[in-house]
Amino acid sequence: MIVSADWVLPIDAPPIRAGAVELGADGTIVAVGTAAELGAGERFEQAVILPAFVNAHTHLEYAVYAGFGDGLSFGPWIQTHVER
């Protein structure tokens, strides 16, 4: 599967204008390059693809909230924490 966008921002290489990313059947990254090299595949207009980006942000303040709202779905859970 190939996806492409106006920009691809590889983690370890310069930005690629009109870039593309080829994904294997298991979702792993097979290749990163230009859409001219790899093909356009599924194109995302006015978008950026960040292959291998891991969203590792955290909310350390929630670590002390153990037991408050456990088992609730997100909406009621966050409301409990906002009220606290």
C-alpha atoms as a PDB file:
ATOM      1  CA  MET A   1       0.000   0.000   0.000  1.00  0.00           C
ATOM      2  CA  ILE A   2       1.259   3.462  -0.877  1.00  0.00           C
ATOM      3  CA  VAL A   3       0.112   6.738   0.659  1.00  0.00           C
ATOM      4  CA  SER A   4       1.256  10.157  -0.496  1.00  0.00           C
ATOM      5  CA  ALA A   5       0.896  13.785   0.503  1.00  0.00           C
ATOM      6  CA  ASP A   6       2.171  17.261  -0.254  1.00  0.00           C
ATOM      7  CA  TRP A   7       5.013  16.604   2.179  1.00  0.00           C
ATOM      8  CA  VAL A   8       6.601  13.573   3.809  1.00  0.00           C
ATOM      9  CA  LEU A   9       8.797  14.330   6.821  1.00  0.00           C
ATOM     10  CA  PRO A  10      11.079  11.346   7.448  1.00  0.00           C
ATOM     11  CA  ILE A  11      12.501  11.119  10.942  1.00  0.00           C
ATOM     12  CA  ASP A  12      16.094  10.715   9.707  1.00  0.00           C
ATOM     13  CA  ALA A  13      16.154  12.568   6.376  1.00  0.00           C
ATOM     14  CA  PRO A  14      15.230  15.952   4.867  1.00  0.00           C
ATOM     15  CA  PRO A  15      11.568  16.753   4.042  1.00  0.00           C
ATOM     16  CA  ILE A  16      10.257  15.355   0.748  1.00  0.00           C
ATOM     17  CA  ARG A  17       7.920  17.545  -1.316  1.00  0.00           C
ATOM     18  CA  ALA A  18       5.214  15.447  -3.050  1.00  0.00           C
ATOM     19  CA  GLY A  19       6.358  12.469  -1.017  1.00  0.00           C
ATOM     20  CA  ALA A  20       5.072   8.941  -0.586  1.00  0.00           C
ATOM     21  CA  VAL A  21       5.365   6.084   1.875  1.00  0.00           C
ATOM     22  CA  GLU A  22       5.043   2.415   0.975  1.00  0.00           C
ATOM     23  CA  LEU A  23       3.636   0.187   3.706  1.00  0.00           C
ATOM     24  CA  GLY A  24       3.937  -3.581   3.890  1.00  0.00           C
ATOM     25  CA  ALA A  25       0.976  -5.880   4.572  1.00  0.00           C
ATOM     26  CA  ASP A  26       1.815  -5.782   8.293  1.00  0.00           C
ATOM     27  CA  GLY A  27       1.914  -1.960   8.350  1.00  0.00           C
ATOM     28  CA  THR A  28       5.684  -1.649   8.472  1.00  0.00           C
ATOM     29  CA  ILE A  29       7.384   1.032   6.377  1.00  0.00           C
ATOM     30  CA  VAL A  30       8.884  -0.520   3.259  1.00  0.00           C
ATOM     31  CA  ALA A  31      10.057   2.615   1.452  1.00  0.00           C
ATOM     32  CA  VAL A  32       9.962   6.410   1.677  1.00  0.00           C
ATOM     33  CA  GLY A  33      10.523   8.643  -1.337  1.00  0.00           C
ATOM     34  CA  THR A  34       8.819  10.869  -3.838  1.00  0.00           C
ATOM     35  CA  ALA A  35       5.438  10.036  -5.309  1.00  0.00           C
ATOM     36  CA  ALA A  36       7.153  10.051  -8.702  1.00  0.00           C
ATOM     37  CA  GLU A  37       9.412   7.210  -7.482  1.00  0.00           C
ATOM     38  CA  LEU A  38       6.909   5.141  -5.497  1.00  0.00           C
ATOM     39  CA  GLY A  39       3.584   6.095  -7.084  1.00  0.00           C
ATOM     40  CA  ALA A  40       0.849   8.257  -5.595  1.00  0.00           C
ATOM     41  CA  GLY A  41      -1.272   5.462  -4.122  1.00  0.00           C
ATOM     42  CA  GLU A  42      -3.866   6.981  -1.801  1.00  0.00           C
ATOM     43  CA  ARG A  43      -3.207  10.730  -1.974  1.00  0.00           C
ATOM     44  CA  PHE A  44      -3.847  13.110   0.926  1.00  0.00           C
ATOM     45  CA  GLU A  45      -4.146  16.715  -0.275  1.00  0.00           C
ATOM     46  CA  GLN A  46      -2.856  19.547   1.919  1.00  0.00           C
ATOM     47  CA  ALA A  47      -1.381  17.049   4.352  1.00  0.00           C
ATOM     48  CA  VAL A  48       1.909  15.940   5.853  1.00  0.00           C
ATOM     49  CA  ILE A  49       2.890  12.323   6.499  1.00  0.00           C
ATOM     50  CA  LEU A  50       5.316  11.648   9.356  1.00  0.00           C
ATOM     51  CA  PRO A  51       6.454   8.041   8.870  1.00  0.00           C
ATOM     52  CA  ALA A  52       7.532   6.313  12.088  1.00  0.00           C
ATOM     53  CA  PHE A  53       6.322   9.210  14.256  1.00  0.00           C
ATOM     54  CA  VAL A  54       5.389   8.001  17.711  1.00  0.00           C
ATOM     55  CA  ASN A  55       3.151  10.227  19.792  1.00  0.00           C
ATOM     56  CA  ALA A  56       4.871   9.812  23.138  1.00  0.00           C
ATOM     57  CA  HIS A  57       3.315  12.704  25.005  1.00  0.00           C
ATOM     58  CA  THR A  58       2.028  12.059  28.488  1.00  0.00           C
ATOM     59  CA  HIS A  59       0.002  13.622  31.258  1.00  0.00           C
ATOM     60  CA  LEU A  60       2.009  12.954  34.392  1.00  0.00           C
ATOM     61  CA  GLU A  61      -0.548  14.747  36.540  1.00  0.00           C
ATOM     62  CA  TYR A  62      -3.011  11.904  35.918  1.00  0.00           C
ATOM     63  CA  ALA A  63      -0.639   9.429  37.599  1.00  0.00           C
ATOM     64  CA  VAL A  64      -1.819  10.579  41.043  1.00  0.00           C
ATOM     65  CA  TYR A  65      -5.492  10.087  40.117  1.00  0.00           C
ATOM     66  CA  ALA A  66      -5.513   6.294  40.462  1.00  0.00           C
ATOM     67  CA  GLY A  67      -8.915   5.097  41.626  1.00  0.00           C
ATOM     68  CA  PHE A  68     -10.764   8.235  40.512  1.00  0.00           C
ATOM     69  CA  GLY A  69     -13.010   7.342  37.606  1.00  0.00           C
ATOM     70  CA  ASP A  70     -11.534   3.912  36.943  1.00  0.00           C
ATOM     71  CA  GLY A  71     -13.727   1.994  34.495  1.00  0.00           C
ATOM     72  CA  LEU A  72     -15.492   5.090  33.131  1.00  0.00           C
ATOM     73  CA  SER A  73     -15.574   5.876  29.423  1.00  0.00           C
ATOM     74  CA  PHE A  74     -13.468   8.869  28.368  1.00  0.00           C
ATOM     75  CA  GLY A  75     -16.153  11.597  28.623  1.00  0.00           C
ATOM     76  CA  PRO A  76     -17.208  10.879  32.219  1.00  0.00           C
ATOM     77  CA  TRP A  77     -13.594  10.087  33.158  1.00  0.00           C
ATOM     78  CA  ILE A  78     -12.208  13.424  31.981  1.00  0.00           C
ATOM     79  CA  GLN A  79     -15.154  15.262  33.540  1.00  0.00           C
ATOM     80  CA  THR A  80     -14.274  13.669  36.896  1.00  0.00           C
ATOM     81  CA  HIS A  81     -10.692  14.928  36.573  1.00  0.00           C
ATOM     82  CA  VAL A  82     -11.709  18.419  35.440  1.00  0.00           C
ATOM     83  CA  GLU A  83     -14.011  18.719  38.432  1.00  0.00           C
ATOM     84  CA  ARG A  84     -11.177  17.683  40.782  1.00  0.00           C
END
